[in-house]
N, C-alpha and C. Protein backbone atom coordinates (compact mmCIF):
# COMPACT_ATOMS: atom_id res chain seq x y z
N MET A 1 23.40 -101.09 73.24
CA MET A 1 23.11 -101.70 71.88
C MET A 1 23.96 -101.05 70.66
N ASP A 2 24.26 -101.89 69.78
CA ASP A 2 25.38 -101.71 68.71
C ASP A 2 24.46 -100.57 67.49
N ALA A 3 25.24 -100.76 66.20
CA ALA A 3 24.69 -100.01 65.06
C ALA A 3 23.72 -100.87 64.54
N LEU A 4 24.24 -102.22 64.39
CA LEU A 4 23.34 -103.42 63.76
C LEU A 4 21.74 -103.46 64.34
N GLN A 5 22.04 -103.42 66.10
CA GLN A 5 20.71 -103.74 67.14
C GLN A 5 19.78 -102.82 66.59
N PHE A 6 20.16 -101.51 66.47
CA PHE A 6 19.30 -100.44 66.29
C PHE A 6 18.86 -100.21 65.28
N SER A 7 19.48 -100.64 64.06
CA SER A 7 19.00 -100.64 62.72
C SER A 7 17.76 -101.61 62.72
N LYS A 8 18.14 -102.72 63.40
CA LYS A 8 17.09 -103.85 63.32
C LYS A 8 15.75 -103.41 63.93
N LEU A 9 16.03 -102.29 64.91
CA LEU A 9 14.91 -102.14 66.06
C LEU A 9 13.99 -100.78 65.10
N ARG A 10 15.09 -100.22 64.56
CA ARG A 10 14.21 -99.32 63.51
C ARG A 10 13.41 -99.66 62.53
N ARG A 11 13.82 -100.81 61.99
CA ARG A 11 13.14 -101.85 61.24
C ARG A 11 11.43 -102.37 61.69
N ARG A 12 11.96 -102.63 62.91
CA ARG A 12 10.36 -103.18 63.49
C ARG A 12 9.73 -102.65 63.65
N ILE A 13 10.34 -100.93 64.25
CA ILE A 13 9.15 -100.25 64.32
C ILE A 13 8.65 -99.52 63.41
N ARG A 14 9.22 -99.47 62.22
CA ARG A 14 8.48 -98.85 61.15
C ARG A 14 7.55 -99.86 60.78
N GLY A 15 8.14 -101.19 60.59
CA GLY A 15 7.07 -102.29 60.18
C GLY A 15 5.65 -102.06 60.82
N MET A 16 6.15 -102.02 62.09
CA MET A 16 4.78 -102.24 63.32
C MET A 16 4.08 -100.66 62.81
N THR A 17 4.64 -99.51 62.08
CA THR A 17 3.88 -98.52 62.04
C THR A 17 3.23 -98.48 60.79
N ILE A 18 3.59 -99.15 59.58
CA ILE A 18 3.11 -99.47 58.69
C ILE A 18 1.76 -100.24 58.62
N ARG A 19 2.42 -101.52 59.29
CA ARG A 19 0.85 -101.92 59.52
C ARG A 19 -0.05 -101.63 60.19
N LEU A 20 0.19 -100.84 61.12
CA LEU A 20 -1.04 -100.11 61.80
C LEU A 20 -1.60 -99.16 60.88
N ALA A 21 -0.86 -98.46 59.92
CA ALA A 21 -1.67 -97.30 59.37
C ALA A 21 -2.61 -98.19 58.34
N ARG A 22 -2.08 -99.28 57.77
CA ARG A 22 -2.87 -100.30 56.70
C ARG A 22 -4.21 -100.38 57.50
N GLN A 23 -4.16 -100.95 58.77
CA GLN A 23 -5.13 -101.56 59.53
C GLN A 23 -6.39 -100.13 59.64
N ILE A 24 -5.87 -99.17 59.88
CA ILE A 24 -6.89 -97.60 60.64
C ILE A 24 -7.48 -97.39 59.05
N MET A 25 -6.41 -97.20 57.80
CA MET A 25 -6.48 -97.28 56.53
C MET A 25 -8.03 -98.02 55.74
N LYS A 26 -8.05 -99.39 56.36
CA LYS A 26 -8.76 -100.30 55.93
C LYS A 26 -10.13 -99.87 56.62
N ILE A 27 -10.29 -99.15 57.85
CA ILE A 27 -11.58 -99.14 58.60
C ILE A 27 -12.37 -97.88 57.80
N ALA A 28 -11.30 -96.98 57.20
CA ALA A 28 -11.63 -95.38 56.98
C ALA A 28 -11.96 -95.62 55.50
N ASP A 29 -11.71 -96.55 54.56
CA ASP A 29 -11.58 -96.64 53.71
C ASP A 29 -13.24 -96.78 52.87
N THR A 30 -13.89 -95.88 53.21
CA THR A 30 -15.38 -96.56 53.06
C THR A 30 -16.02 -97.21 51.72
N ASN A 31 -15.35 -96.74 50.71
CA ASN A 31 -15.57 -97.25 49.59
C ASN A 31 -14.47 -98.68 48.86
N GLY A 32 -13.82 -98.71 49.49
CA GLY A 32 -12.81 -100.09 49.54
C GLY A 32 -12.35 -99.71 48.28
N ASP A 33 -11.47 -98.63 47.72
CA ASP A 33 -10.76 -98.58 46.17
C ASP A 33 -9.60 -98.31 46.89
N GLY A 34 -9.05 -98.61 48.03
CA GLY A 34 -7.38 -98.53 48.93
C GLY A 34 -6.96 -97.22 48.75
N HIS A 35 -7.82 -95.99 48.83
CA HIS A 35 -7.67 -94.82 48.89
C HIS A 35 -8.53 -94.01 50.10
N ILE A 36 -8.13 -93.08 51.03
CA ILE A 36 -8.73 -92.39 51.98
C ILE A 36 -8.87 -90.72 51.43
N SER A 37 -9.86 -90.44 51.88
CA SER A 37 -9.93 -88.96 51.58
C SER A 37 -9.32 -88.05 52.47
N VAL A 38 -9.19 -86.65 51.87
CA VAL A 38 -8.24 -85.75 53.11
C VAL A 38 -8.85 -85.56 54.32
N ASP A 39 -10.61 -85.26 54.11
CA ASP A 39 -11.33 -85.15 55.04
C ASP A 39 -11.46 -86.64 55.86
N GLU A 40 -11.41 -87.65 55.50
CA GLU A 40 -11.15 -88.96 56.25
C GLU A 40 -9.81 -89.32 56.89
N ALA A 41 -8.75 -88.75 56.00
CA ALA A 41 -7.56 -88.38 57.19
C ALA A 41 -7.53 -87.50 58.21
N GLN A 42 -8.25 -86.21 57.64
CA GLN A 42 -7.98 -85.70 58.97
C GLN A 42 -8.65 -86.04 60.13
N ALA A 43 -10.01 -86.66 60.01
CA ALA A 43 -11.08 -87.37 61.21
C ALA A 43 -9.99 -88.48 61.62
N ILE A 44 -9.47 -89.01 61.03
CA ILE A 44 -8.52 -90.44 61.53
C ILE A 44 -7.29 -89.42 62.81
N ALA A 45 -6.93 -88.74 61.92
CA ALA A 45 -5.35 -87.96 62.72
C ALA A 45 -6.12 -87.44 64.15
N PHE A 46 -7.25 -86.90 63.70
CA PHE A 46 -7.97 -85.90 65.20
C PHE A 46 -8.28 -86.93 66.03
N GLU A 47 -9.01 -88.00 65.44
CA GLU A 47 -9.04 -89.21 66.46
C GLU A 47 -8.09 -89.55 67.34
N GLN A 48 -7.10 -89.69 66.57
CA GLN A 48 -5.80 -90.54 66.88
C GLN A 48 -5.09 -89.60 68.09
N GLU A 49 -5.49 -88.34 67.57
CA GLU A 49 -4.69 -87.38 69.22
C GLU A 49 -6.06 -86.78 70.03
N GLY A 50 -6.93 -87.60 70.19
CA GLY A 50 -8.41 -87.20 71.05
C GLY A 50 -9.05 -86.26 70.71
N ILE A 51 -8.81 -85.79 69.77
CA ILE A 51 -9.19 -84.10 69.54
C ILE A 51 -10.78 -84.77 68.70
N GLY A 52 -11.99 -83.98 69.68
CA GLY A 52 -13.30 -84.38 69.37
C GLY A 52 -13.79 -83.46 68.42
N ALA A 53 -15.15 -83.73 67.60
CA ALA A 53 -15.95 -82.97 66.93
C ALA A 53 -15.70 -81.42 67.04
N GLY A 54 -16.22 -81.28 68.14
CA GLY A 54 -16.53 -79.61 68.76
C GLY A 54 -15.10 -79.04 68.89
N ALA A 55 -14.12 -79.76 69.13
CA ALA A 55 -12.71 -78.60 69.20
C ALA A 55 -12.14 -78.83 67.68
N ARG A 56 -12.52 -79.81 67.01
CA ARG A 56 -12.28 -79.66 65.56
C ARG A 56 -13.08 -78.17 64.58
N SER A 57 -14.19 -78.25 65.08
CA SER A 57 -14.78 -77.20 64.14
C SER A 57 -14.30 -75.69 64.72
N GLN A 58 -13.72 -75.65 65.86
CA GLN A 58 -13.67 -74.02 66.36
C GLN A 58 -12.37 -74.01 65.79
N SER A 59 -10.92 -75.07 65.27
CA SER A 59 -9.69 -74.75 64.64
C SER A 59 -9.75 -75.08 63.20
N GLU A 60 -10.91 -74.67 62.70
CA GLU A 60 -11.46 -74.89 61.10
C GLU A 60 -11.74 -73.20 60.60
């Protein structure tokens, strides 16, 4: 893979990541203002990592 191919691959991966973040935020944005709270963001991060509510309360 040359530098140009690698650069294109990085752009595609970044684009996929941004699209996924938008999809996740759309679900978490309960009031539809286009933003999520810190608590909602933490809940999403914990869910993505497979950390349950019980483990979450122990770490706080």
